[in-house]
């Protein structure tokens, strides 16, 4: 009899603040895999001074509706009153086509900042991701090169992002049927 291997289908993802040590560690590890190993933008680590003040946000895959792995992350910080920045958006290679995780993390980032009085939300977006951000109601301000990689400085349309009442809790994002991880 021929063995048939079934692929695991994750029912959904938690999109929320990293609230436990394993989530924060998983976010840092994912960033290292994406920005150091895969894209080779940094050597050794992508950690910097912003990590001391930033809030890490995560996308968590689920097994039996329990969070089991960090598969996406972004960090946000407020360098001055009412001005917020998002940076280091990363989604695990095996999950990039699953359930719009990058878009959900972007929404959580801006909505979290909105809940804390944000007047302006900016990000330096890798040029290949500019279209995604435009679809999510961001506008391009200028092209820049950071660490040898083309980026676009972009600004979110805050009118499109209502504040969250419980930003750290985030939300559960179910996947569409037929999508596998």
C-alpha atoms as a PDB file:
ATOM      1  CA  UNK A   1       0.000   0.000   0.000  1.00  0.00           C
ATOM      2  CA  UNK A   2       1.336   3.404  -0.934  1.00  0.00           C
ATOM      3  CA  UNK A   3       2.001   5.804   1.968  1.00  0.00           C
ATOM      4  CA  UNK A   4       0.229   9.126   1.567  1.00  0.00           C
ATOM      5  CA  UNK A   5       1.720  12.007   3.493  1.00  0.00           C
ATOM      6  CA  UNK A   6      -0.762  14.609   4.620  1.00  0.00           C
ATOM      7  CA  UNK A   7       0.263  18.212   4.984  1.00  0.00           C
ATOM      8  CA  UNK A   8      -0.594  20.013   8.219  1.00  0.00           C
ATOM      9  CA  UNK A   9      -3.140  22.813   7.853  1.00  0.00           C
ATOM     10  CA  UNK A  10      -2.825  25.506  10.507  1.00  0.00           C
ATOM     11  CA  UNK A  11      -6.373  26.684  11.345  1.00  0.00           C
ATOM     12  CA  UNK A  12      -5.273  30.224  12.127  1.00  0.00           C
ATOM     13  CA  UNK A  13      -2.797  32.616  13.655  1.00  0.00           C
ATOM     14  CA  UNK A  14      -2.651  34.891  16.664  1.00  0.00           C
ATOM     15  CA  UNK A  15      -1.586  38.415  15.713  1.00  0.00           C
ATOM     16  CA  UNK A  16      -0.535  40.157  18.935  1.00  0.00           C
ATOM     17  CA  UNK A  17       2.179  41.708  21.065  1.00  0.00           C
ATOM     18  CA  UNK A  18       4.963  39.352  22.120  1.00  0.00           C
ATOM     19  CA  UNK A  19       3.940  38.825  25.744  1.00  0.00           C
ATOM     20  CA  UNK A  20       6.051  35.839  26.797  1.00  0.00           C
ATOM     21  CA  UNK A  21       9.799  35.205  26.718  1.00  0.00           C
ATOM     22  CA  UNK A  22       9.436  32.434  24.113  1.00  0.00           C
ATOM     23  CA  UNK A  23       7.540  34.808  21.804  1.00  0.00           C
ATOM     24  CA  UNK A  24      10.203  37.538  22.146  1.00  0.00           C
ATOM     25  CA  UNK A  25      12.973  34.983  21.582  1.00  0.00           C
ATOM     26  CA  UNK A  26      11.100  33.566  18.582  1.00  0.00           C
ATOM     27  CA  UNK A  27      10.720  37.044  17.080  1.00  0.00           C
ATOM     28  CA  UNK A  28      14.453  37.745  17.489  1.00  0.00           C
ATOM     29  CA  UNK A  29      15.336  34.353  15.988  1.00  0.00           C
ATOM     30  CA  UNK A  30      13.020  34.898  13.015  1.00  0.00           C
ATOM     31  CA  UNK A  31      14.573  38.315  12.353  1.00  0.00           C
ATOM     32  CA  UNK A  32      18.049  36.737  12.443  1.00  0.00           C
ATOM     33  CA  UNK A  33      17.002  34.022   9.979  1.00  0.00           C
ATOM     34  CA  UNK A  34      15.436  36.522   7.561  1.00  0.00           C
ATOM     35  CA  UNK A  35      17.781  39.531   7.741  1.00  0.00           C
ATOM     36  CA  UNK A  36      21.102  37.795   8.522  1.00  0.00           C
ATOM     37  CA  UNK A  37      20.899  34.340   6.967  1.00  0.00           C
ATOM     38  CA  UNK A  38      18.439  34.749   4.102  1.00  0.00           C
ATOM     39  CA  UNK A  39      18.814  38.364   2.950  1.00  0.00           C
ATOM     40  CA  UNK A  40      22.372  38.864   4.263  1.00  0.00           C
ATOM     41  CA  UNK A  41      21.668  42.508   5.156  1.00  0.00           C
ATOM     42  CA  UNK A  42      23.389  42.142   8.549  1.00  0.00           C
ATOM     43  CA  UNK A  43      26.257  40.018   9.829  1.00  0.00           C
ATOM     44  CA  UNK A  44      25.653  38.016  12.989  1.00  0.00           C
ATOM     45  CA  UNK A  45      22.636  39.951  14.280  1.00  0.00           C
ATOM     46  CA  UNK A  46      20.193  42.651  13.241  1.00  0.00           C
ATOM     47  CA  UNK A  47      19.684  43.815  16.853  1.00  0.00           C
ATOM     48  CA  UNK A  48      20.256  47.517  17.527  1.00  0.00           C
ATOM     49  CA  UNK A  49      19.520  50.290  20.041  1.00  0.00           C
ATOM     50  CA  UNK A  50      15.879  50.509  18.924  1.00  0.00           C
ATOM     51  CA  UNK A  51      15.265  47.032  20.348  1.00  0.00           C
ATOM     52  CA  UNK A  52      15.689  48.492  23.842  1.00  0.00           C
ATOM     53  CA  UNK A  53      12.591  50.676  23.421  1.00  0.00           C
ATOM     54  CA  UNK A  54      10.612  48.828  20.735  1.00  0.00           C
ATOM     55  CA  UNK A  55       7.526  46.704  21.233  1.00  0.00           C
ATOM     56  CA  UNK A  56       7.797  43.395  19.350  1.00  0.00           C
ATOM     57  CA  UNK A  57       4.638  42.153  17.639  1.00  0.00           C
ATOM     58  CA  UNK A  58       4.223  38.583  16.438  1.00  0.00           C
ATOM     59  CA  UNK A  59       2.196  36.265  14.253  1.00  0.00           C
ATOM     60  CA  UNK A  60       1.899  32.898  15.982  1.00  0.00           C
ATOM     61  CA  UNK A  61       0.919  29.689  14.224  1.00  0.00           C
ATOM     62  CA  UNK A  62      -1.454  27.470  16.145  1.00  0.00           C
ATOM     63  CA  UNK A  63      -1.849  23.809  16.875  1.00  0.00           C
ATOM     64  CA  UNK A  64      -5.200  22.838  18.401  1.00  0.00           C
ATOM     65  CA  UNK A  65      -5.821  26.591  18.742  1.00  0.00           C
ATOM     66  CA  UNK A  66      -2.788  27.003  21.023  1.00  0.00           C
ATOM     67  CA  UNK A  67       0.097  29.232  19.921  1.00  0.00           C
ATOM     68  CA  UNK A  68       3.072  27.089  18.971  1.00  0.00           C
ATOM     69  CA  UNK A  69       5.580  29.038  16.833  1.00  0.00           C
ATOM     70  CA  UNK A  70       6.511  32.592  15.850  1.00  0.00           C
ATOM     71  CA  UNK A  71       6.052  32.797  12.069  1.00  0.00           C
ATOM     72  CA  UNK A  72       5.988  36.584  11.651  1.00  0.00           C
ATOM     73  CA  UNK A  73       7.167  39.677  13.483  1.00  0.00           C
ATOM     74  CA  UNK A  74       7.534  43.443  13.334  1.00  0.00           C
ATOM     75  CA  UNK A  75       8.635  45.960  15.933  1.00  0.00           C
ATOM     76  CA  UNK A  76       7.231  49.412  16.671  1.00  0.00           C
ATOM     77  CA  UNK A  77       8.620  52.320  18.631  1.00  0.00           C
ATOM     78  CA  UNK A  78       7.901  55.947  19.415  1.00  0.00           C
ATOM     79  CA  UNK A  79      11.080  58.072  19.088  1.00  0.00           C
ATOM     80  CA  UNK A  80       9.209  61.259  19.951  1.00  0.00           C
ATOM     81  CA  UNK A  81       5.697  62.076  21.151  1.00  0.00           C
ATOM     82  CA  UNK A  82       2.982  61.060  18.679  1.00  0.00           C
ATOM     83  CA  UNK A  83       5.488  59.860  16.023  1.00  0.00           C
ATOM     84  CA  UNK A  84       5.764  56.086  15.596  1.00  0.00           C
ATOM     85  CA  UNK A  85       7.953  53.888  13.404  1.00  0.00           C
ATOM     86  CA  UNK A  86       7.573  50.278  12.337  1.00  0.00           C
ATOM     87  CA  UNK A  87      10.602  48.214  11.350  1.00  0.00           C
ATOM     88  CA  UNK A  88      12.031  44.726  10.876  1.00  0.00           C
ATOM     89  CA  UNK A  89       8.871  43.211   9.372  1.00  0.00           C
ATOM     90  CA  UNK A  90       9.673  39.542   8.761  1.00  0.00           C
ATOM     91  CA  UNK A  91       7.601  36.495   7.890  1.00  0.00           C
ATOM     92  CA  UNK A  92       9.041  32.980   7.917  1.00  0.00           C
ATOM     93  CA  UNK A  93       9.801  31.777   4.390  1.00  0.00           C
ATOM     94  CA  UNK A  94       7.388  28.827   4.753  1.00  0.00           C
ATOM     95  CA  UNK A  95       4.502  31.133   5.753  1.00  0.00           C
ATOM     96  CA  UNK A  96       4.792  34.042   3.287  1.00  0.00           C
ATOM     97  CA  UNK A  97       1.869  32.910   1.159  1.00  0.00           C
ATOM     98  CA  UNK A  98      -0.304  31.943   4.110  1.00  0.00           C
ATOM     99  CA  UNK A  99      -3.122  34.051   5.450  1.00  0.00           C
ATOM    100  CA  UNK A 100      -1.757  37.556   4.762  1.00  0.00           C
ATOM    101  CA  UNK A 101       0.459  37.506   7.854  1.00  0.00           C
ATOM    102  CA  UNK A 102       2.571  40.492   6.807  1.00  0.00           C
ATOM    103  CA  UNK A 103      -0.531  42.604   6.210  1.00  0.00           C
ATOM    104  CA  UNK A 104      -2.016  41.575   9.560  1.00  0.00           C
ATOM    105  CA  UNK A 105       1.202  42.525  11.373  1.00  0.00           C
ATOM    106  CA  UNK A 106       1.206  45.915   9.638  1.00  0.00           C
ATOM    107  CA  UNK A 107      -2.410  46.470  10.727  1.00  0.00           C
ATOM    108  CA  UNK A 108      -1.573  45.547  14.324  1.00  0.00           C
ATOM    109  CA  UNK A 109       1.441  47.863  14.310  1.00  0.00           C
ATOM    110  CA  UNK A 110      -0.466  50.933  13.150  1.00  0.00           C
ATOM    111  CA  UNK A 111      -3.588  50.211  15.196  1.00  0.00           C
ATOM    112  CA  UNK A 112      -1.451  49.742  18.327  1.00  0.00           C
ATOM    113  CA  UNK A 113       0.225  53.103  17.755  1.00  0.00           C
ATOM    114  CA  UNK A 114      -3.194  54.666  17.104  1.00  0.00           C
ATOM    115  CA  UNK A 115      -4.377  53.423  20.498  1.00  0.00           C
ATOM    116  CA  UNK A 116      -1.460  55.322  22.055  1.00  0.00           C
ATOM    117  CA  UNK A 117      -2.083  58.680  20.404  1.00  0.00           C
ATOM    118  CA  UNK A 118      -0.112  58.349  17.171  1.00  0.00           C
ATOM    119  CA  UNK A 119      -0.293  61.316  14.768  1.00  0.00           C
ATOM    120  CA  UNK A 120       2.187  59.929  12.232  1.00  0.00           C
ATOM    121  CA  UNK A 121       3.338  56.359  11.501  1.00  0.00           C
ATOM    122  CA  UNK A 122       6.368  55.786   9.268  1.00  0.00           C
ATOM    123  CA  UNK A 123       8.439  52.864   8.000  1.00  0.00           C
ATOM    124  CA  UNK A 124      11.393  52.274   5.709  1.00  0.00           C
ATOM    125  CA  UNK A 125       9.989  49.539   3.482  1.00  0.00           C
ATOM    126  CA  UNK A 126      12.115  47.342   1.235  1.00  0.00           C
ATOM    127  CA  UNK A 127      11.318  48.418  -2.337  1.00  0.00           C
ATOM    128  CA  UNK A 128       9.855  45.019  -3.305  1.00  0.00           C
ATOM    129  CA  UNK A 129       7.219  45.439  -0.561  1.00  0.00           C
ATOM    130  CA  UNK A 130       6.080  48.937  -1.563  1.00  0.00           C
ATOM    131  CA  UNK A 131       3.037  47.591  -3.459  1.00  0.00           C
ATOM    132  CA  UNK A 132       1.828  45.662  -0.386  1.00  0.00           C
ATOM    133  CA  UNK A 133       2.021  48.795   1.749  1.00  0.00           C
ATOM    134  CA  UNK A 134       0.234  50.893  -0.897  1.00  0.00           C
ATOM    135  CA  UNK A 135      -2.614  48.362  -0.881  1.00  0.00           C
ATOM    136  CA  UNK A 136      -2.786  48.858   2.874  1.00  0.00           C
ATOM    137  CA  UNK A 137      -3.226  52.636   2.513  1.00  0.00           C
ATOM    138  CA  UNK A 138       0.345  53.839   2.850  1.00  0.00           C
ATOM    139  CA  UNK A 139       1.931  56.506   0.663  1.00  0.00           C
ATOM    140  CA  UNK A 140       5.504  56.746  -0.529  1.00  0.00           C
ATOM    141  CA  UNK A 141       7.540  59.732   0.642  1.00  0.00           C
ATOM    142  CA  UNK A 142      11.053  59.134  -0.713  1.00  0.00           C
ATOM    143  CA  UNK A 143      13.436  56.444  -1.908  1.00  0.00           C
ATOM    144  CA  UNK A 144      16.414  55.661   0.316  1.00  0.00           C
ATOM    145  CA  UNK A 145      19.176  53.074   0.440  1.00  0.00           C
ATOM    146  CA  UNK A 146      19.789  51.432   3.813  1.00  0.00           C
ATOM    147  CA  UNK A 147      22.617  48.925   4.297  1.00  0.00           C
ATOM    148  CA  UNK A 148      22.921  48.619   0.514  1.00  0.00           C
ATOM    149  CA  UNK A 149      19.233  47.747   0.014  1.00  0.00           C
ATOM    150  CA  UNK A 150      16.706  49.974  -1.751  1.00  0.00           C
ATOM    151  CA  UNK A 151      13.916  51.105   0.577  1.00  0.00           C
ATOM    152  CA  UNK A 152      11.021  53.532   0.374  1.00  0.00           C
ATOM    153  CA  UNK A 153      10.149  55.775   3.308  1.00  0.00           C
ATOM    154  CA  UNK A 154       6.378  55.393   3.649  1.00  0.00           C
ATOM    155  CA  UNK A 155       3.609  56.837   5.805  1.00  0.00           C
ATOM    156  CA  UNK A 156       0.398  55.122   6.886  1.00  0.00           C
ATOM    157  CA  UNK A 157      -2.999  56.729   6.275  1.00  0.00           C
ATOM    158  CA  UNK A 158      -4.123  56.757   9.905  1.00  0.00           C
ATOM    159  CA  UNK A 159      -7.767  57.264   8.909  1.00  0.00           C
ATOM    160  CA  UNK A 160      -7.754  53.687   7.629  1.00  0.00           C
ATOM    161  CA  UNK A 161      -6.528  52.211  10.940  1.00  0.00           C
ATOM    162  CA  UNK A 162      -8.860  52.547  13.941  1.00  0.00           C
ATOM    163  CA  UNK A 163      -7.232  52.236  17.374  1.00  0.00           C
ATOM    164  CA  UNK A 164      -7.480  48.899  19.172  1.00  0.00           C
ATOM    165  CA  UNK A 165      -9.168  48.751  22.550  1.00  0.00           C
ATOM    166  CA  UNK A 166      -6.846  45.944  23.694  1.00  0.00           C
ATOM    167  CA  UNK A 167      -3.792  46.272  21.472  1.00  0.00           C
ATOM    168  CA  UNK A 168      -1.559  43.760  23.326  1.00  0.00           C
ATOM    169  CA  UNK A 169      -4.158  41.005  22.924  1.00  0.00           C
ATOM    170  CA  UNK A 170      -4.439  41.555  19.165  1.00  0.00           C
ATOM    171  CA  UNK A 171      -6.707  39.076  17.388  1.00  0.00           C
ATOM    172  CA  UNK A 172      -7.045  35.576  15.987  1.00  0.00           C
ATOM    173  CA  UNK A 173      -6.752  35.404  12.198  1.00  0.00           C
ATOM    174  CA  UNK A 174      -8.262  32.222  10.703  1.00  0.00           C
ATOM    175  CA  UNK A 175      -6.795  30.922   7.464  1.00  0.00           C
ATOM    176  CA  UNK A 176      -8.776  30.299   4.357  1.00  0.00           C
ATOM    177  CA  UNK A 177      -9.533  26.656   3.593  1.00  0.00           C
ATOM    178  CA  UNK A 178      -6.995  24.939   1.411  1.00  0.00           C
ATOM    179  CA  UNK A 179      -3.989  26.969   2.568  1.00  0.00           C
ATOM    180  CA  UNK A 180      -1.225  24.868   4.001  1.00  0.00           C
ATOM    181  CA  UNK A 181       1.822  25.716   6.003  1.00  0.00           C
END
